[in-house]
Amino acid sequence: MNDDAQYICDSCGEEIVIPVDLSAGFSQEYVEDCPVCCHANIIRVEIDPTGEVSSWSESE
């Protein structure tokens, strides 16, 4: 399993690498400020049964 993921900030377009907390479950959602532009993003992380991590963001 990969414990890193990335998303594209909805505001500035930067690719942001985030750590994935594998103990938090297979479907995760939280709010995080972009470290580049400080815009709040809703981060969604999905982990499939094989351990493949998918992540994306939406504007808050």
PDB file of N, CA and C in Angstrom:
ATOM      1  N   MET A   1       0.826  -1.185   0.000  1.00  0.00           N
ATOM      2  CA  MET A   1       0.000   0.000   0.000  1.00  0.00           C
ATOM      3  C   MET A   1       0.874   1.254   0.000  1.00  0.00           C
ATOM      4  N   ASN A   2       0.442   2.219  -0.758  1.00  0.00           N
ATOM      5  CA  ASN A   2       1.138   3.495  -0.815  1.00  0.00           C
ATOM      6  C   ASN A   2       0.570   4.413   0.261  1.00  0.00           C
ATOM      7  N   ASP A   3       1.442   5.036   1.043  1.00  0.00           N
ATOM      8  CA  ASP A   3       0.938   5.919   2.101  1.00  0.00           C
ATOM      9  C   ASP A   3       1.084   7.399   1.747  1.00  0.00           C
ATOM     10  N   ASP A   4       1.275   7.706   0.467  1.00  0.00           N
ATOM     11  CA  ASP A   4       1.241   9.075  -0.039  1.00  0.00           C
ATOM     12  C   ASP A   4       0.240   9.164  -1.180  1.00  0.00           C
ATOM     13  N   ALA A   5      -0.342  10.335  -1.340  1.00  0.00           N
ATOM     14  CA  ALA A   5      -1.259  10.594  -2.449  1.00  0.00           C
ATOM     15  C   ALA A   5      -1.044  12.034  -2.878  1.00  0.00           C
ATOM     16  N   GLN A   6      -1.698  12.437  -3.934  1.00  0.00           N
ATOM     17  CA  GLN A   6      -1.610  13.820  -4.365  1.00  0.00           C
ATOM     18  C   GLN A   6      -2.962  14.294  -4.869  1.00  0.00           C
ATOM     19  N   TYR A   7      -3.118  15.613  -4.820  1.00  0.00           N
ATOM     20  CA  TYR A   7      -4.318  16.231  -5.378  1.00  0.00           C
ATOM     21  C   TYR A   7      -3.904  17.535  -6.040  1.00  0.00           C
ATOM     22  N   ILE A   8      -4.756  18.046  -6.901  1.00  0.00           N
ATOM     23  CA  ILE A   8      -4.534  19.327  -7.550  1.00  0.00           C
ATOM     24  C   ILE A   8      -5.409  20.362  -6.844  1.00  0.00           C
ATOM     25  N   CYS A   9      -4.784  21.427  -6.345  1.00  0.00           N
ATOM     26  CA  CYS A   9      -5.540  22.481  -5.666  1.00  0.00           C
ATOM     27  C   CYS A   9      -6.527  23.105  -6.638  1.00  0.00           C
ATOM     28  N   ASP A  10      -7.767  23.196  -6.221  1.00  0.00           N
ATOM     29  CA  ASP A  10      -8.836  23.737  -7.049  1.00  0.00           C
ATOM     30  C   ASP A  10      -8.649  25.226  -7.322  1.00  0.00           C
ATOM     31  N   SER A  11      -7.876  25.898  -6.494  1.00  0.00           N
ATOM     32  CA  SER A  11      -7.702  27.343  -6.624  1.00  0.00           C
ATOM     33  C   SER A  11      -6.469  27.716  -7.454  1.00  0.00           C
ATOM     34  N   CYS A  12      -5.293  27.172  -7.079  1.00  0.00           N
ATOM     35  CA  CYS A  12      -4.052  27.591  -7.746  1.00  0.00           C
ATOM     36  C   CYS A  12      -3.523  26.591  -8.771  1.00  0.00           C
ATOM     37  N   GLY A  13      -4.051  25.365  -8.768  1.00  0.00           N
ATOM     38  CA  GLY A  13      -3.634  24.361  -9.746  1.00  0.00           C
ATOM     39  C   GLY A  13      -2.366  23.609  -9.404  1.00  0.00           C
ATOM     40  N   GLU A  14      -1.791  23.858  -8.235  1.00  0.00           N
ATOM     41  CA  GLU A  14      -0.579  23.144  -7.831  1.00  0.00           C
ATOM     42  C   GLU A  14      -0.896  21.703  -7.431  1.00  0.00           C
ATOM     43  N   GLU A  15       0.020  20.790  -7.743  1.00  0.00           N
ATOM     44  CA  GLU A  15      -0.106  19.407  -7.281  1.00  0.00           C
ATOM     45  C   GLU A  15       0.476  19.330  -5.872  1.00  0.00           C
ATOM     46  N   ILE A  16      -0.326  18.849  -4.932  1.00  0.00           N
ATOM     47  CA  ILE A  16       0.060  18.778  -3.527  1.00  0.00           C
ATOM     48  C   ILE A  16       0.148  17.315  -3.116  1.00  0.00           C
ATOM     49  N   VAL A  17       1.273  16.916  -2.527  1.00  0.00           N
ATOM     50  CA  VAL A  17       1.457  15.562  -2.019  1.00  0.00           C
ATOM     51  C   VAL A  17       1.012  15.547  -0.563  1.00  0.00           C
ATOM     52  N   ILE A  18       0.191  14.557  -0.224  1.00  0.00           N
ATOM     53  CA  ILE A  18      -0.333  14.442   1.136  1.00  0.00           C
ATOM     54  C   ILE A  18      -0.057  13.043   1.677  1.00  0.00           C
ATOM     55  N   PRO A  19       0.149  12.921   2.975  1.00  0.00           N
ATOM     56  CA  PRO A  19       0.258  11.589   3.565  1.00  0.00           C
ATOM     57  C   PRO A  19      -1.141  10.974   3.692  1.00  0.00           C
ATOM     58  N   VAL A  20      -1.216   9.662   3.573  1.00  0.00           N
ATOM     59  CA  VAL A  20      -2.488   8.960   3.729  1.00  0.00           C
ATOM     60  C   VAL A  20      -2.429   8.163   5.022  1.00  0.00           C
ATOM     61  N   ASP A  21      -3.406   8.386   5.888  1.00  0.00           N
ATOM     62  CA  ASP A  21      -3.503   7.634   7.142  1.00  0.00           C
ATOM     63  C   ASP A  21      -4.263   6.347   6.844  1.00  0.00           C
ATOM     64  N   LEU A  22      -3.522   5.259   6.678  1.00  0.00           N
ATOM     65  CA  LEU A  22      -4.138   3.987   6.311  1.00  0.00           C
ATOM     66  C   LEU A  22      -5.054   3.449   7.412  1.00  0.00           C
ATOM     67  N   SER A  23      -4.875   3.902   8.648  1.00  0.00           N
ATOM     68  CA  SER A  23      -5.714   3.430   9.748  1.00  0.00           C
ATOM     69  C   SER A  23      -7.052   4.162   9.814  1.00  0.00           C
ATOM     70  N   ALA A  24      -7.248   5.197   8.980  1.00  0.00           N
ATOM     71  CA  ALA A  24      -8.475   6.004   9.024  1.00  0.00           C
ATOM     72  C   ALA A  24      -9.597   5.433   8.167  1.00  0.00           C
ATOM     73  N   GLY A  25      -9.392   4.282   7.560  1.00  0.00           N
ATOM     74  CA  GLY A  25     -10.451   3.645   6.786  1.00  0.00           C
ATOM     75  C   GLY A  25     -10.237   3.775   5.284  1.00  0.00           C
ATOM     76  N   PHE A  26     -11.089   3.093   4.535  1.00  0.00           N
ATOM     77  CA  PHE A  26     -10.945   3.017   3.086  1.00  0.00           C
ATOM     78  C   PHE A  26     -11.560   4.200   2.359  1.00  0.00           C
ATOM     79  N   SER A  27     -12.385   4.976   3.040  1.00  0.00           N
ATOM     80  CA  SER A  27     -12.991   6.168   2.456  1.00  0.00           C
ATOM     81  C   SER A  27     -12.812   7.308   3.453  1.00  0.00           C
ATOM     82  N   GLN A  28     -12.078   8.338   3.047  1.00  0.00           N
ATOM     83  CA  GLN A  28     -11.756   9.437   3.951  1.00  0.00           C
ATOM     84  C   GLN A  28     -12.133  10.769   3.320  1.00  0.00           C
ATOM     85  N   GLU A  29     -12.514  11.713   4.157  1.00  0.00           N
ATOM     86  CA  GLU A  29     -12.829  13.073   3.705  1.00  0.00           C
ATOM     87  C   GLU A  29     -12.434  14.043   4.810  1.00  0.00           C
ATOM     88  N   TYR A  30     -11.716  15.084   4.430  1.00  0.00           N
ATOM     89  CA  TYR A  30     -11.328  16.106   5.399  1.00  0.00           C
ATOM     90  C   TYR A  30     -11.024  17.407   4.670  1.00  0.00           C
ATOM     91  N   VAL A  31     -10.899  18.492   5.415  1.00  0.00           N
ATOM     92  CA  VAL A  31     -10.586  19.804   4.842  1.00  0.00           C
ATOM     93  C   VAL A  31      -9.137  20.119   5.156  1.00  0.00           C
ATOM     94  N   GLU A  32      -8.413  20.600   4.132  1.00  0.00           N
ATOM     95  CA  GLU A  32      -7.016  20.974   4.297  1.00  0.00           C
ATOM     96  C   GLU A  32      -6.751  22.243   3.493  1.00  0.00           C
ATOM     97  N   ASP A  33      -6.006  23.173   4.089  1.00  0.00           N
ATOM     98  CA  ASP A  33      -5.604  24.377   3.373  1.00  0.00           C
ATOM     99  C   ASP A  33      -4.431  24.055   2.456  1.00  0.00           C
ATOM    100  N   CYS A  34      -4.477  24.580   1.234  1.00  0.00           N
ATOM    101  CA  CYS A  34      -3.375  24.408   0.289  1.00  0.00           C
ATOM    102  C   CYS A  34      -2.127  25.076   0.879  1.00  0.00           C
ATOM    103  N   PRO A  35      -0.989  24.378   0.900  1.00  0.00           N
ATOM    104  CA  PRO A  35       0.226  24.989   1.443  1.00  0.00           C
ATOM    105  C   PRO A  35       0.808  26.071   0.532  1.00  0.00           C
ATOM    106  N   VAL A  36       0.328  26.181  -0.702  1.00  0.00           N
ATOM    107  CA  VAL A  36       0.828  27.184  -1.635  1.00  0.00           C
ATOM    108  C   VAL A  36      -0.005  28.464  -1.556  1.00  0.00           C
ATOM    109  N   CYS A  37      -1.348  28.334  -1.678  1.00  0.00           N
ATOM    110  CA  CYS A  37      -2.196  29.534  -1.753  1.00  0.00           C
ATOM    111  C   CYS A  37      -3.132  29.704  -0.555  1.00  0.00           C
ATOM    112  N   CYS A  38      -3.142  28.762   0.373  1.00  0.00           N
ATOM    113  CA  CYS A  38      -3.946  28.796   1.603  1.00  0.00           C
ATOM    114  C   CYS A  38      -5.454  28.627   1.367  1.00  0.00           C
ATOM    115  N   HIS A  39      -5.870  28.257   0.165  1.00  0.00           N
ATOM    116  CA  HIS A  39      -7.278  28.022  -0.125  1.00  0.00           C
ATOM    117  C   HIS A  39      -7.707  26.698   0.518  1.00  0.00           C
ATOM    118  N   ALA A  40      -8.883  26.678   1.140  1.00  0.00           N
ATOM    119  CA  ALA A  40      -9.392  25.459   1.768  1.00  0.00           C
ATOM    120  C   ALA A  40      -9.911  24.494   0.696  1.00  0.00           C
ATOM    121  N   ASN A  41      -9.475  23.249   0.780  1.00  0.00           N
ATOM    122  CA  ASN A  41      -9.903  22.197  -0.130  1.00  0.00           C
ATOM    123  C   ASN A  41     -10.526  21.055   0.660  1.00  0.00           C
ATOM    124  N   ILE A  42     -11.580  20.471   0.119  1.00  0.00           N
ATOM    125  CA  ILE A  42     -12.127  19.235   0.670  1.00  0.00           C
ATOM    126  C   ILE A  42     -11.356  18.110  -0.010  1.00  0.00           C
ATOM    127  N   ILE A  43     -10.642  17.327   0.782  1.00  0.00           N
ATOM    128  CA  ILE A  43      -9.824  16.244   0.262  1.00  0.00           C
ATOM    129  C   ILE A  43     -10.595  14.947   0.433  1.00  0.00           C
ATOM    130  N   ARG A  44     -10.663  14.169  -0.628  1.00  0.00           N
ATOM    131  CA  ARG A  44     -11.302  12.857  -0.585  1.00  0.00           C
ATOM    132  C   ARG A  44     -10.262  11.813  -0.965  1.00  0.00           C
ATOM    133  N   VAL A  45     -10.183  10.760  -0.160  1.00  0.00           N
ATOM    134  CA  VAL A  45      -9.232   9.679  -0.382  1.00  0.00           C
ATOM    135  C   VAL A  45     -10.000   8.365  -0.370  1.00  0.00           C
ATOM    136  N   GLU A  46      -9.766   7.547  -1.378  1.00  0.00           N
ATOM    137  CA  GLU A  46     -10.361   6.216  -1.460  1.00  0.00           C
ATOM    138  C   GLU A  46      -9.226   5.200  -1.584  1.00  0.00           C
ATOM    139  N   ILE A  47      -9.314   4.106  -0.844  1.00  0.00           N
ATOM    140  CA  ILE A  47      -8.338   3.028  -0.917  1.00  0.00           C
ATOM    141  C   ILE A  47      -9.094   1.770  -1.315  1.00  0.00           C
ATOM    142  N   ASP A  48      -8.730   1.181  -2.458  1.00  0.00           N
ATOM    143  CA  ASP A  48      -9.443  -0.012  -2.907  1.00  0.00           C
ATOM    144  C   ASP A  48      -8.876  -1.254  -2.210  1.00  0.00           C
ATOM    145  N   PRO A  49      -9.540  -2.415  -2.354  1.00  0.00           N
ATOM    146  CA  PRO A  49      -9.104  -3.622  -1.641  1.00  0.00           C
ATOM    147  C   PRO A  49      -7.676  -4.075  -1.962  1.00  0.00           C
ATOM    148  N   THR A  50      -7.141  -3.664  -3.121  1.00  0.00           N
ATOM    149  CA  THR A  50      -5.766  -4.033  -3.468  1.00  0.00           C
ATOM    150  C   THR A  50      -4.748  -3.056  -2.907  1.00  0.00           C
ATOM    151  N   GLY A  51      -5.219  -1.974  -2.278  1.00  0.00           N
ATOM    152  CA  GLY A  51      -4.329  -0.983  -1.681  1.00  0.00           C
ATOM    153  C   GLY A  51      -4.058   0.217  -2.562  1.00  0.00           C
ATOM    154  N   GLU A  52      -4.674   0.274  -3.734  1.00  0.00           N
ATOM    155  CA  GLU A  52      -4.497   1.420  -4.639  1.00  0.00           C
ATOM    156  C   GLU A  52      -5.194   2.643  -4.044  1.00  0.00           C
ATOM    157  N   VAL A  53      -4.468   3.752  -3.959  1.00  0.00           N
ATOM    158  CA  VAL A  53      -4.990   4.985  -3.362  1.00  0.00           C
ATOM    159  C   VAL A  53      -5.389   5.956  -4.457  1.00  0.00           C
ATOM    160  N   SER A  54      -6.612   6.502  -4.363  1.00  0.00           N
ATOM    161  CA  SER A  54      -7.080   7.556  -5.249  1.00  0.00           C
ATOM    162  C   SER A  54      -7.408   8.762  -4.377  1.00  0.00           C
ATOM    163  N   SER A  55      -7.051   9.952  -4.863  1.00  0.00           N
ATOM    164  CA  SER A  55      -7.364  11.152  -4.100  1.00  0.00           C
ATOM    165  C   SER A  55      -7.717  12.279  -5.061  1.00  0.00           C
ATOM    166  N   TRP A  56      -8.563  13.178  -4.587  1.00  0.00           N
ATOM    167  CA  TRP A  56      -8.956  14.347  -5.357  1.00  0.00           C
ATOM    168  C   TRP A  56      -9.456  15.403  -4.393  1.00  0.00           C
ATOM    169  N   SER A  57      -9.602  16.618  -4.909  1.00  0.00           N
ATOM    170  CA  SER A  57     -10.059  17.709  -4.049  1.00  0.00           C
ATOM    171  C   SER A  57     -11.181  18.473  -4.721  1.00  0.00           C
ATOM    172  N   GLU A  58     -11.928  19.161  -3.886  1.00  0.00           N
ATOM    173  CA  GLU A  58     -12.991  20.061  -4.322  1.00  0.00           C
ATOM    174  C   GLU A  58     -12.862  21.332  -3.517  1.00  0.00           C
ATOM    175  N   SER A  59     -13.289  22.426  -4.083  1.00  0.00           N
ATOM    176  CA  SER A  59     -13.268  23.689  -3.356  1.00  0.00           C
ATOM    177  C   SER A  59     -14.253  23.640  -2.202  1.00  0.00           C
ATOM    178  N   GLU A  60     -13.855  24.187  -1.060  1.00  0.00           N
ATOM    179  CA  GLU A  60     -14.769  24.196   0.085  1.00  0.00           C
ATOM    180  C   GLU A  60     -15.765  25.310  -0.059  1.00  0.00           C
TER     181      GLU A  60
END
